[in-house]
mmCIF file of all heavy atoms, coordinates in Angstrom:
data_MODEL
# 
_entry.id   MODEL 
# 
loop_
_atom_site.group_PDB 
_atom_site.id 
_atom_site.type_symbol 
_atom_site.label_atom_id 
_atom_site.label_alt_id 
_atom_site.label_comp_id 
_atom_site.label_asym_id 
_atom_site.label_entity_id 
_atom_site.label_seq_id 
_atom_site.pdbx_PDB_ins_code 
_atom_site.Cartn_x 
_atom_site.Cartn_y 
_atom_site.Cartn_z 
_atom_site.occupancy 
_atom_site.B_iso_or_equiv 
_atom_site.pdbx_formal_charge 
_atom_site.auth_seq_id 
_atom_site.auth_comp_id 
_atom_site.auth_asym_id 
_atom_site.auth_atom_id 
_atom_site.pdbx_PDB_model_num 
ATOM 1   N N   . GLY A 1 1  ? 183.614 119.418 56.818 1.00 0.00 ? 1  GLY A N   1 
ATOM 2   C CA  . GLY A 1 1  ? 183.707 119.592 55.373 1.00 0.00 ? 1  GLY A CA  1 
ATOM 3   C C   . GLY A 1 1  ? 184.721 118.701 54.702 1.00 0.00 ? 1  GLY A C   1 
ATOM 4   O O   . GLY A 1 1  ? 184.932 118.795 53.505 1.00 0.00 ? 1  GLY A O   1 
ATOM 5   N N   . LYS A 1 2  ? 185.395 117.810 55.430 1.00 0.00 ? 2  LYS A N   1 
ATOM 6   C CA  . LYS A 1 2  ? 186.416 116.951 54.832 1.00 0.00 ? 2  LYS A CA  1 
ATOM 7   C C   . LYS A 1 2  ? 186.056 115.483 55.065 1.00 0.00 ? 2  LYS A C   1 
ATOM 8   O O   . LYS A 1 2  ? 185.538 115.114 56.106 1.00 0.00 ? 2  LYS A O   1 
ATOM 9   C CB  . LYS A 1 2  ? 187.800 117.234 55.444 1.00 0.00 ? 2  LYS A CB  1 
ATOM 10  C CG  . LYS A 1 2  ? 188.299 118.655 55.184 1.00 0.00 ? 2  LYS A CG  1 
ATOM 11  C CD  . LYS A 1 2  ? 189.663 118.823 55.810 1.00 0.00 ? 2  LYS A CD  1 
ATOM 12  C CE  . LYS A 1 2  ? 190.215 120.230 55.580 1.00 0.00 ? 2  LYS A CE  1 
ATOM 13  N NZ  . LYS A 1 2  ? 191.533 120.429 56.195 1.00 0.00 ? 2  LYS A NZ  1 
ATOM 14  N N   . ASN A 1 3  ? 186.376 114.667 54.069 1.00 0.00 ? 3  ASN A N   1 
ATOM 15  C CA  . ASN A 1 3  ? 186.159 113.228 54.243 1.00 0.00 ? 3  ASN A CA  1 
ATOM 16  C C   . ASN A 1 3  ? 187.202 112.668 55.192 1.00 0.00 ? 3  ASN A C   1 
ATOM 17  O O   . ASN A 1 3  ? 188.386 112.918 55.048 1.00 0.00 ? 3  ASN A O   1 
ATOM 18  C CB  . ASN A 1 3  ? 186.273 112.497 52.895 1.00 0.00 ? 3  ASN A CB  1 
ATOM 19  C CG  . ASN A 1 3  ? 185.026 112.691 52.060 1.00 0.00 ? 3  ASN A CG  1 
ATOM 20  O OD1 . ASN A 1 3  ? 183.932 112.805 52.609 1.00 0.00 ? 3  ASN A OD1 1 
ATOM 21  N ND2 . ASN A 1 3  ? 185.184 112.740 50.757 1.00 0.00 ? 3  ASN A ND2 1 
ATOM 22  N N   . SER A 1 4  ? 186.757 111.920 56.184 1.00 0.00 ? 4  SER A N   1 
ATOM 23  C CA  . SER A 1 4  ? 187.682 111.272 57.118 1.00 0.00 ? 4  SER A CA  1 
ATOM 24  C C   . SER A 1 4  ? 187.616 109.778 56.878 1.00 0.00 ? 4  SER A C   1 
ATOM 25  O O   . SER A 1 4  ? 186.634 109.134 57.219 1.00 0.00 ? 4  SER A O   1 
ATOM 26  C CB  . SER A 1 4  ? 187.287 111.594 58.565 1.00 0.00 ? 4  SER A CB  1 
ATOM 27  O OG  . SER A 1 4  ? 188.047 110.855 59.469 1.00 0.00 ? 4  SER A OG  1 
ATOM 28  N N   . ARG A 1 5  ? 188.648 109.235 56.272 1.00 0.00 ? 5  ARG A N   1 
ATOM 29  C CA  . ARG A 1 5  ? 188.648 107.801 55.963 1.00 0.00 ? 5  ARG A CA  1 
ATOM 30  C C   . ARG A 1 5  ? 189.134 107.023 57.165 1.00 0.00 ? 5  ARG A C   1 
ATOM 31  O O   . ARG A 1 5  ? 190.282 107.134 57.566 1.00 0.00 ? 5  ARG A O   1 
ATOM 32  C CB  . ARG A 1 5  ? 189.541 107.518 54.759 1.00 0.00 ? 5  ARG A CB  1 
ATOM 33  C CG  . ARG A 1 5  ? 189.487 106.051 54.345 1.00 0.00 ? 5  ARG A CG  1 
ATOM 34  C CD  . ARG A 1 5  ? 190.190 105.840 53.028 1.00 0.00 ? 5  ARG A CD  1 
ATOM 35  N NE  . ARG A 1 5  ? 189.939 104.479 52.569 1.00 0.00 ? 5  ARG A NE  1 
ATOM 36  C CZ  . ARG A 1 5  ? 190.900 103.611 52.321 1.00 0.00 ? 5  ARG A CZ  1 
ATOM 37  N NH1 . ARG A 1 5  ? 192.143 103.944 52.490 1.00 0.00 ? 5  ARG A NH1 1 
ATOM 38  N NH2 . ARG A 1 5  ? 190.614 102.407 51.890 1.00 0.00 ? 5  ARG A NH2 1 
ATOM 39  N N   . LYS A 1 6  ? 188.234 106.244 57.752 1.00 0.00 ? 6  LYS A N   1 
ATOM 40  C CA  . LYS A 1 6  ? 188.593 105.478 58.934 1.00 0.00 ? 6  LYS A CA  1 
ATOM 41  C C   . LYS A 1 6  ? 188.416 103.988 58.653 1.00 0.00 ? 6  LYS A C   1 
ATOM 42  O O   . LYS A 1 6  ? 187.336 103.550 58.296 1.00 0.00 ? 6  LYS A O   1 
ATOM 43  C CB  . LYS A 1 6  ? 187.709 105.869 60.123 1.00 0.00 ? 6  LYS A CB  1 
ATOM 44  C CG  . LYS A 1 6  ? 187.931 107.290 60.586 1.00 0.00 ? 6  LYS A CG  1 
ATOM 45  C CD  . LYS A 1 6  ? 187.106 107.606 61.802 1.00 0.00 ? 6  LYS A CD  1 
ATOM 46  C CE  . LYS A 1 6  ? 185.655 107.755 61.487 1.00 0.00 ? 6  LYS A CE  1 
ATOM 47  N NZ  . LYS A 1 6  ? 184.859 108.218 62.616 1.00 0.00 ? 6  LYS A NZ  1 
ATOM 48  N N   . ARG A 1 7  ? 189.497 103.257 58.797 1.00 0.00 ? 7  ARG A N   1 
ATOM 49  C CA  . ARG A 1 7  ? 189.395 101.814 58.686 1.00 0.00 ? 7  ARG A CA  1 
ATOM 50  C C   . ARG A 1 7  ? 188.596 101.339 59.892 1.00 0.00 ? 7  ARG A C   1 
ATOM 51  O O   . ARG A 1 7  ? 188.545 102.012 60.920 1.00 0.00 ? 7  ARG A O   1 
ATOM 52  C CB  . ARG A 1 7  ? 190.796 101.208 58.707 1.00 0.00 ? 7  ARG A CB  1 
ATOM 53  C CG  . ARG A 1 7  ? 190.876 99.826  58.085 1.00 0.00 ? 7  ARG A CG  1 
ATOM 54  C CD  . ARG A 1 7  ? 190.878 99.923  56.589 1.00 0.00 ? 7  ARG A CD  1 
ATOM 55  N NE  . ARG A 1 7  ? 190.907 98.593  55.998 1.00 0.00 ? 7  ARG A NE  1 
ATOM 56  C CZ  . ARG A 1 7  ? 191.338 98.358  54.765 1.00 0.00 ? 7  ARG A CZ  1 
ATOM 57  N NH1 . ARG A 1 7  ? 191.758 99.351  54.024 1.00 0.00 ? 7  ARG A NH1 1 
ATOM 58  N NH2 . ARG A 1 7  ? 191.324 97.142  54.286 1.00 0.00 ? 7  ARG A NH2 1 
ATOM 59  N N   . LEU A 1 8  ? 187.995 100.188 59.806 1.00 0.00 ? 8  LEU A N   1 
ATOM 60  C CA  . LEU A 1 8  ? 187.121 99.722  60.869 1.00 0.00 ? 8  LEU A CA  1 
ATOM 61  C C   . LEU A 1 8  ? 187.892 99.457  62.159 1.00 0.00 ? 8  LEU A C   1 
ATOM 62  O O   . LEU A 1 8  ? 188.513 98.411  62.323 1.00 0.00 ? 8  LEU A O   1 
ATOM 63  C CB  . LEU A 1 8  ? 186.404 98.443  60.425 1.00 0.00 ? 8  LEU A CB  1 
ATOM 64  C CG  . LEU A 1 8  ? 185.344 98.645  59.345 1.00 0.00 ? 8  LEU A CG  1 
ATOM 65  C CD1 . LEU A 1 8  ? 184.819 97.301  58.894 1.00 0.00 ? 8  LEU A CD1 1 
ATOM 66  C CD2 . LEU A 1 8  ? 184.217 99.512  59.853 1.00 0.00 ? 8  LEU A CD2 1 
ATOM 67  N N   . LEU A 1 9  ? 187.842 100.396 63.078 1.00 0.00 ? 9  LEU A N   1 
ATOM 68  C CA  . LEU A 1 9  ? 188.414 100.200 64.408 1.00 0.00 ? 9  LEU A CA  1 
ATOM 69  C C   . LEU A 1 9  ? 187.359 99.553  65.292 1.00 0.00 ? 9  LEU A C   1 
ATOM 70  O O   . LEU A 1 9  ? 186.175 99.878  65.198 1.00 0.00 ? 9  LEU A O   1 
ATOM 71  C CB  . LEU A 1 9  ? 188.841 101.541 65.005 1.00 0.00 ? 9  LEU A CB  1 
ATOM 72  C CG  . LEU A 1 9  ? 190.011 102.257 64.327 1.00 0.00 ? 9  LEU A CG  1 
ATOM 73  C CD1 . LEU A 1 9  ? 190.181 103.638 64.923 1.00 0.00 ? 9  LEU A CD1 1 
ATOM 74  C CD2 . LEU A 1 9  ? 191.292 101.460 64.470 1.00 0.00 ? 9  LEU A CD2 1 
ATOM 75  N N   . ASN A 1 10 ? 187.786 98.658  66.138 1.00 0.00 ? 10 ASN A N   1 
ATOM 76  C CA  . ASN A 1 10 ? 186.858 98.026  67.070 1.00 0.00 ? 10 ASN A CA  1 
ATOM 77  C C   . ASN A 1 10 ? 186.562 99.004  68.208 1.00 0.00 ? 10 ASN A C   1 
ATOM 78  O O   . ASN A 1 10 ? 187.458 99.337  68.987 1.00 0.00 ? 10 ASN A O   1 
ATOM 79  C CB  . ASN A 1 10 ? 187.474 96.740  67.629 1.00 0.00 ? 10 ASN A CB  1 
ATOM 80  C CG  . ASN A 1 10 ? 186.483 95.934  68.444 1.00 0.00 ? 10 ASN A CG  1 
ATOM 81  O OD1 . ASN A 1 10 ? 185.591 96.489  69.074 1.00 0.00 ? 10 ASN A OD1 1 
ATOM 82  N ND2 . ASN A 1 10 ? 186.644 94.630  68.438 1.00 0.00 ? 10 ASN A ND2 1 
ATOM 83  N N   . PRO A 1 11 ? 185.331 99.476  68.326 1.00 0.00 ? 11 PRO A N   1 
ATOM 84  C CA  . PRO A 1 11 ? 185.010 100.485 69.351 1.00 0.00 ? 11 PRO A CA  1 
ATOM 85  C C   . PRO A 1 11 ? 185.127 99.959  70.775 1.00 0.00 ? 11 PRO A C   1 
ATOM 86  O O   . PRO A 1 11 ? 185.151 100.740 71.725 1.00 0.00 ? 11 PRO A O   1 
ATOM 87  C CB  . PRO A 1 11 ? 183.559 100.870 69.018 1.00 0.00 ? 11 PRO A CB  1 
ATOM 88  C CG  . PRO A 1 11 ? 183.012 99.663  68.326 1.00 0.00 ? 11 PRO A CG  1 
ATOM 89  C CD  . PRO A 1 11 ? 184.143 99.086  67.541 1.00 0.00 ? 11 PRO A CD  1 
ATOM 90  N N   . LEU A 1 12 ? 185.183 98.637  70.931 1.00 0.00 ? 12 LEU A N   1 
ATOM 91  C CA  . LEU A 1 12 ? 185.298 98.055  72.264 1.00 0.00 ? 12 LEU A CA  1 
ATOM 92  C C   . LEU A 1 12 ? 186.748 97.929  72.719 1.00 0.00 ? 12 LEU A C   1 
ATOM 93  O O   . LEU A 1 12 ? 187.011 97.615  73.870 1.00 0.00 ? 12 LEU A O   1 
ATOM 94  C CB  . LEU A 1 12 ? 184.630 96.672  72.287 1.00 0.00 ? 12 LEU A CB  1 
ATOM 95  C CG  . LEU A 1 12 ? 183.150 96.645  71.877 1.00 0.00 ? 12 LEU A CG  1 
ATOM 96  C CD1 . LEU A 1 12 ? 182.610 95.226  71.962 1.00 0.00 ? 12 LEU A CD1 1 
ATOM 97  C CD2 . LEU A 1 12 ? 182.333 97.578  72.747 1.00 0.00 ? 12 LEU A CD2 1 
ATOM 98  N N   . PHE A 1 13 ? 187.685 98.173  71.804 1.00 0.00 ? 13 PHE A N   1 
ATOM 99  C CA  . PHE A 1 13 ? 189.106 98.112  72.161 1.00 0.00 ? 13 PHE A CA  1 
ATOM 100 C C   . PHE A 1 13 ? 189.561 99.511  72.573 1.00 0.00 ? 13 PHE A C   1 
ATOM 101 O O   . PHE A 1 13 ? 189.998 100.309 71.752 1.00 0.00 ? 13 PHE A O   1 
ATOM 102 C CB  . PHE A 1 13 ? 189.935 97.607  70.983 1.00 0.00 ? 13 PHE A CB  1 
ATOM 103 C CG  . PHE A 1 13 ? 189.839 96.125  70.745 1.00 0.00 ? 13 PHE A CG  1 
ATOM 104 C CD1 . PHE A 1 13 ? 190.451 95.533  69.649 1.00 0.00 ? 13 PHE A CD1 1 
ATOM 105 C CD2 . PHE A 1 13 ? 189.144 95.309  71.613 1.00 0.00 ? 13 PHE A CD2 1 
ATOM 106 C CE1 . PHE A 1 13 ? 190.378 94.169  69.424 1.00 0.00 ? 13 PHE A CE1 1 
ATOM 107 C CE2 . PHE A 1 13 ? 189.053 93.937  71.404 1.00 0.00 ? 13 PHE A CE2 1 
ATOM 108 C CZ  . PHE A 1 13 ? 189.670 93.372  70.309 1.00 0.00 ? 13 PHE A CZ  1 
ATOM 109 N N   . THR A 1 14 ? 189.458 99.791  73.851 1.00 0.00 ? 14 THR A N   1 
ATOM 110 C CA  . THR A 1 14 ? 189.845 101.089 74.394 1.00 0.00 ? 14 THR A CA  1 
ATOM 111 C C   . THR A 1 14 ? 190.822 100.884 75.544 1.00 0.00 ? 14 THR A C   1 
ATOM 112 O O   . THR A 1 14 ? 190.966 99.779  76.068 1.00 0.00 ? 14 THR A O   1 
ATOM 113 C CB  . THR A 1 14 ? 188.612 101.858 74.903 1.00 0.00 ? 14 THR A CB  1 
ATOM 114 O OG1 . THR A 1 14 ? 188.006 101.090 75.979 1.00 0.00 ? 14 THR A OG1 1 
ATOM 115 C CG2 . THR A 1 14 ? 187.583 102.057 73.802 1.00 0.00 ? 14 THR A CG2 1 
ATOM 116 N N   . PHE A 1 15 ? 191.468 101.976 75.956 1.00 0.00 ? 15 PHE A N   1 
ATOM 117 C CA  . PHE A 1 15 ? 192.389 101.879 77.099 1.00 0.00 ? 15 PHE A CA  1 
ATOM 118 C C   . PHE A 1 15 ? 191.641 101.533 78.380 1.00 0.00 ? 15 PHE A C   1 
ATOM 119 O O   . PHE A 1 15 ? 192.159 100.830 79.242 1.00 0.00 ? 15 PHE A O   1 
ATOM 120 C CB  . PHE A 1 15 ? 193.154 103.190 77.271 1.00 0.00 ? 15 PHE A CB  1 
ATOM 121 C CG  . PHE A 1 15 ? 194.223 103.406 76.244 1.00 0.00 ? 15 PHE A CG  1 
ATOM 122 C CD1 . PHE A 1 15 ? 194.109 104.420 75.301 1.00 0.00 ? 15 PHE A CD1 1 
ATOM 123 C CD2 . PHE A 1 15 ? 195.342 102.602 76.197 1.00 0.00 ? 15 PHE A CD2 1 
ATOM 124 C CE1 . PHE A 1 15 ? 195.089 104.626 74.345 1.00 0.00 ? 15 PHE A CE1 1 
ATOM 125 C CE2 . PHE A 1 15 ? 196.332 102.784 75.242 1.00 0.00 ? 15 PHE A CE2 1 
ATOM 126 C CZ  . PHE A 1 15 ? 196.199 103.803 74.315 1.00 0.00 ? 15 PHE A CZ  1 
ATOM 127 N N   . SER A 1 16 ? 190.419 102.019 78.516 1.00 0.00 ? 16 SER A N   1 
ATOM 128 C CA  . SER A 1 16 ? 189.663 101.780 79.746 1.00 0.00 ? 16 SER A CA  1 
ATOM 129 C C   . SER A 1 16 ? 189.313 100.303 79.920 1.00 0.00 ? 16 SER A C   1 
ATOM 130 O O   . SER A 1 16 ? 189.111 99.841  81.049 1.00 0.00 ? 16 SER A O   1 
ATOM 131 C CB  . SER A 1 16 ? 188.381 102.620 79.760 1.00 0.00 ? 16 SER A CB  1 
ATOM 132 O OG  . SER A 1 16 ? 187.537 102.249 78.682 1.00 0.00 ? 16 SER A OG  1 
ATOM 133 N N   . LEU A 1 17 ? 189.232 99.568  78.819 1.00 0.00 ? 17 LEU A N   1 
ATOM 134 C CA  . LEU A 1 17 ? 188.889 98.148  78.894 1.00 0.00 ? 17 LEU A CA  1 
ATOM 135 C C   . LEU A 1 17 ? 190.114 97.244  78.791 1.00 0.00 ? 17 LEU A C   1 
ATOM 136 O O   . LEU A 1 17 ? 189.983 96.031  78.725 1.00 0.00 ? 17 LEU A O   1 
ATOM 137 C CB  . LEU A 1 17 ? 187.895 97.790  77.782 1.00 0.00 ? 17 LEU A CB  1 
ATOM 138 C CG  . LEU A 1 17 ? 186.507 98.424  77.890 1.00 0.00 ? 17 LEU A CG  1 
ATOM 139 C CD1 . LEU A 1 17 ? 185.639 98.030  76.713 1.00 0.00 ? 17 LEU A CD1 1 
ATOM 140 C CD2 . LEU A 1 17 ? 185.831 98.042  79.196 1.00 0.00 ? 17 LEU A CD2 1 
ATOM 141 N N   . PHE A 1 18 ? 191.298 97.845  78.782 1.00 0.00 ? 18 PHE A N   1 
ATOM 142 C CA  . PHE A 1 18 ? 192.531 97.064  78.705 1.00 0.00 ? 18 PHE A CA  1 
ATOM 143 C C   . PHE A 1 18 ? 193.068 96.834  80.110 1.00 0.00 ? 18 PHE A C   1 
ATOM 144 O O   . PHE A 1 18 ? 193.301 97.780  80.863 1.00 0.00 ? 18 PHE A O   1 
ATOM 145 C CB  . PHE A 1 18 ? 193.567 97.810  77.855 1.00 0.00 ? 18 PHE A CB  1 
ATOM 146 C CG  . PHE A 1 18 ? 194.819 97.014  77.603 1.00 0.00 ? 18 PHE A CG  1 
ATOM 147 C CD1 . PHE A 1 18 ? 194.843 96.039  76.625 1.00 0.00 ? 18 PHE A CD1 1 
ATOM 148 C CD2 . PHE A 1 18 ? 195.971 97.239  78.338 1.00 0.00 ? 18 PHE A CD2 1 
ATOM 149 C CE1 . PHE A 1 18 ? 195.993 95.296  76.376 1.00 0.00 ? 18 PHE A CE1 1 
ATOM 150 C CE2 . PHE A 1 18 ? 197.119 96.509  78.105 1.00 0.00 ? 18 PHE A CE2 1 
ATOM 151 C CZ  . PHE A 1 18 ? 197.130 95.530  77.120 1.00 0.00 ? 18 PHE A CZ  1 
ATOM 152 N N   . VAL A 1 19 ? 193.256 95.569  80.476 1.00 0.00 ? 19 VAL A N   1 
ATOM 153 C CA  . VAL A 1 19 ? 193.748 95.225  81.814 1.00 0.00 ? 19 VAL A CA  1 
ATOM 154 C C   . VAL A 1 19 ? 195.275 95.196  81.788 1.00 0.00 ? 19 VAL A C   1 
ATOM 155 O O   . VAL A 1 19 ? 195.876 94.441  81.033 1.00 0.00 ? 19 VAL A O   1 
ATOM 156 C CB  . VAL A 1 19 ? 193.199 93.864  82.273 1.00 0.00 ? 19 VAL A CB  1 
ATOM 157 C CG1 . VAL A 1 19 ? 193.771 93.505  83.649 1.00 0.00 ? 19 VAL A CG1 1 
ATOM 158 C CG2 . VAL A 1 19 ? 191.684 93.888  82.321 1.00 0.00 ? 19 VAL A CG2 1 
ATOM 159 N N   . GLU A 1 20 ? 195.873 96.021  82.617 1.00 0.00 ? 20 GLU A N   1 
ATOM 160 C CA  . GLU A 1 20 ? 197.331 96.116  82.651 1.00 0.00 ? 20 GLU A CA  1 
ATOM 161 C C   . GLU A 1 20 ? 197.931 95.248  83.746 1.00 0.00 ? 20 GLU A C   1 
ATOM 162 O O   . GLU A 1 20 ? 197.343 95.060  84.802 1.00 0.00 ? 20 GLU A O   1 
ATOM 163 C CB  . GLU A 1 20 ? 197.764 97.574  82.868 1.00 0.00 ? 20 GLU A CB  1 
ATOM 164 C CG  . GLU A 1 20 ? 197.480 98.476  81.693 1.00 0.00 ? 20 GLU A CG  1 
ATOM 165 C CD  . GLU A 1 20 ? 198.014 99.873  81.908 1.00 0.00 ? 20 GLU A CD  1 
ATOM 166 O OE1 . GLU A 1 20 ? 199.097 100.004 82.521 1.00 0.00 ? 20 GLU A OE1 1 
ATOM 167 O OE2 . GLU A 1 20 ? 197.352 100.832 81.484 1.00 0.00 ? 20 GLU A OE2 1 
ATOM 168 N N   . GLY A 1 21 ? 199.105 94.737  83.464 1.00 0.00 ? 21 GLY A N   1 
ATOM 169 C CA  . GLY A 1 21 ? 199.882 93.981  84.439 1.00 0.00 ? 21 GLY A CA  1 
ATOM 170 C C   . GLY A 1 21 ? 201.346 94.139  84.108 1.00 0.00 ? 21 GLY A C   1 
ATOM 171 O O   . GLY A 1 21 ? 201.718 94.882  83.195 1.00 0.00 ? 21 GLY A O   1 
ATOM 172 N N   . ARG A 1 22 ? 202.187 93.413  84.814 1.00 0.00 ? 22 ARG A N   1 
ATOM 173 C CA  . ARG A 1 22 ? 203.623 93.546  84.583 1.00 0.00 ? 22 ARG A CA  1 
ATOM 174 C C   . ARG A 1 22 ? 204.017 93.149  83.170 1.00 0.00 ? 22 ARG A C   1 
ATOM 175 O O   . ARG A 1 22 ? 204.974 93.676  82.611 1.00 0.00 ? 22 ARG A O   1 
ATOM 176 C CB  . ARG A 1 22 ? 204.386 92.678  85.594 1.00 0.00 ? 22 ARG A CB  1 
ATOM 177 C CG  . ARG A 1 22 ? 204.415 93.256  87.004 1.00 0.00 ? 22 ARG A CG  1 
ATOM 178 C CD  . ARG A 1 22 ? 205.101 92.326  87.964 1.00 0.00 ? 22 ARG A CD  1 
ATOM 179 N NE  . ARG A 1 22 ? 204.352 91.089  88.158 1.00 0.00 ? 22 ARG A NE  1 
ATOM 180 C CZ  . ARG A 1 22 ? 204.734 90.114  88.973 1.00 0.00 ? 22 ARG A CZ  1 
ATOM 181 N NH1 . ARG A 1 22 ? 205.864 90.221  89.643 1.00 0.00 ? 22 ARG A NH1 1 
ATOM 182 N NH2 . ARG A 1 22 ? 203.998 89.025  89.119 1.00 0.00 ? 22 ARG A NH2 1 
ATOM 183 N N   . SER A 1 23 ? 203.253 92.242  82.564 1.00 0.00 ? 23 SER A N   1 
ATOM 184 C CA  . SER A 1 23 ? 203.613 91.726  81.247 1.00 0.00 ? 23 SER A CA  1 
ATOM 185 C C   . SER A 1 23 ? 203.330 92.710  80.114 1.00 0.00 ? 23 SER A C   1 
ATOM 186 O O   . SER A 1 23 ? 203.909 92.589  79.037 1.00 0.00 ? 23 SER A O   1 
ATOM 187 C CB  . SER A 1 23 ? 202.856 90.422  80.974 1.00 0.00 ? 23 SER A CB  1 
ATOM 188 O OG  . SER A 1 23 ? 201.460 90.646  80.988 1.00 0.00 ? 23 SER A OG  1 
ATOM 189 N N   . ASN A 1 24 ? 202.438 93.669  80.328 1.00 0.00 ? 24 ASN A N   1 
ATOM 190 C CA  . ASN A 1 24 ? 202.054 94.569  79.228 1.00 0.00 ? 24 ASN A CA  1 
ATOM 191 C C   . ASN A 1 24 ? 202.057 96.046  79.614 1.00 0.00 ? 24 ASN A C   1 
ATOM 192 O O   . ASN A 1 24 ? 201.642 96.900  78.835 1.00 0.00 ? 24 ASN A O   1 
ATOM 193 C CB  . ASN A 1 24 ? 200.661 94.201  78.711 1.00 0.00 ? 24 ASN A CB  1 
ATOM 194 C CG  . ASN A 1 24 ? 199.588 94.275  79.792 1.00 0.00 ? 24 ASN A CG  1 
ATOM 195 O OD1 . ASN A 1 24 ? 199.677 95.046  80.734 1.00 0.00 ? 24 ASN A OD1 1 
ATOM 196 N ND2 . ASN A 1 24 ? 198.557 93.461  79.657 1.00 0.00 ? 24 ASN A ND2 1 
ATOM 197 N N   . GLN A 1 25 ? 202.516 96.357  80.836 1.00 0.00 ? 25 GLN A N   1 
ATOM 198 C CA  . GLN A 1 25 ? 202.425 97.725  81.339 1.00 0.00 ? 25 GLN A CA  1 
ATOM 199 C C   . GLN A 1 25 ? 203.226 98.714  80.495 1.00 0.00 ? 25 GLN A C   1 
ATOM 200 O O   . GLN A 1 25 ? 202.748 99.803  80.165 1.00 0.00 ? 25 GLN A O   1 
ATOM 201 C CB  . GLN A 1 25 ? 202.898 97.772  82.793 1.00 0.00 ? 25 GLN A CB  1 
ATOM 202 C CG  . GLN A 1 25 ? 202.577 99.088  83.492 1.00 0.00 ? 25 GLN A CG  1 
ATOM 203 C CD  . GLN A 1 25 ? 202.843 98.997  84.984 1.00 0.00 ? 25 GLN A CD  1 
ATOM 204 O OE1 . GLN A 1 25 ? 203.799 98.347  85.411 1.00 0.00 ? 25 GLN A OE1 1 
ATOM 205 N NE2 . GLN A 1 25 ? 202.011 99.629  85.780 1.00 0.00 ? 25 GLN A NE2 1 
ATOM 206 N N   . MET A 1 26 ? 204.432 98.328  80.115 1.00 0.00 ? 26 MET A N   1 
ATOM 207 C CA  . MET A 1 26 ? 205.261 99.238  79.329 1.00 0.00 ? 26 MET A CA  1 
ATOM 208 C C   . MET A 1 26 ? 204.632 99.504  77.967 1.00 0.00 ? 26 MET A C   1 
ATOM 209 O O   . MET A 1 26 ? 204.632 100.639 77.474 1.00 0.00 ? 26 MET A O   1 
ATOM 210 C CB  . MET A 1 26 ? 206.665 98.669  79.148 1.00 0.00 ? 26 MET A CB  1 
ATOM 211 C CG  . MET A 1 26 ? 207.590 99.605  78.381 1.00 0.00 ? 26 MET A CG  1 
ATOM 212 S SD  . MET A 1 26 ? 209.281 98.993  78.260 1.00 0.00 ? 26 MET A SD  1 
ATOM 213 C CE  . MET A 1 26 ? 210.038 100.285 77.261 1.00 0.00 ? 26 MET A CE  1 
ATOM 214 N N   . ALA A 1 27 ? 204.066 98.474  77.350 1.00 0.00 ? 27 ALA A N   1 
ATOM 215 C CA  . ALA A 1 27 ? 203.420 98.643  76.048 1.00 0.00 ? 27 ALA A CA  1 
ATOM 216 C C   . ALA A 1 27 ? 202.233 99.591  76.160 1.00 0.00 ? 27 ALA A C   1 
ATOM 217 O O   . ALA A 1 27 ? 202.048 100.481 75.313 1.00 0.00 ? 27 ALA A O   1 
ATOM 218 C CB  . ALA A 1 27 ? 202.967 97.288  75.503 1.00 0.00 ? 27 ALA A CB  1 
ATOM 219 N N   . ALA A 1 28 ? 201.426 99.435  77.201 1.00 0.00 ? 28 ALA A N   1 
ATOM 220 C CA  . ALA A 1 28 ? 200.256 100.301 77.382 1.00 0.00 ? 28 ALA A CA  1 
ATOM 221 C C   . ALA A 1 28 ? 200.673 101.744 77.646 1.00 0.00 ? 28 ALA A C   1 
ATOM 222 O O   . ALA A 1 28 ? 200.097 102.683 77.075 1.00 0.00 ? 28 ALA A O   1 
ATOM 223 C CB  . ALA A 1 28 ? 199.396 99.775  78.533 1.00 0.00 ? 28 ALA A CB  1 
# 
């Protein structure tokens, strides 16, 4: 019953598709 205003998020940008390594592990 409420409007949900969502800016265009890229549906392909998910945690499951993000490759982690030493350079970005803390950020993830």
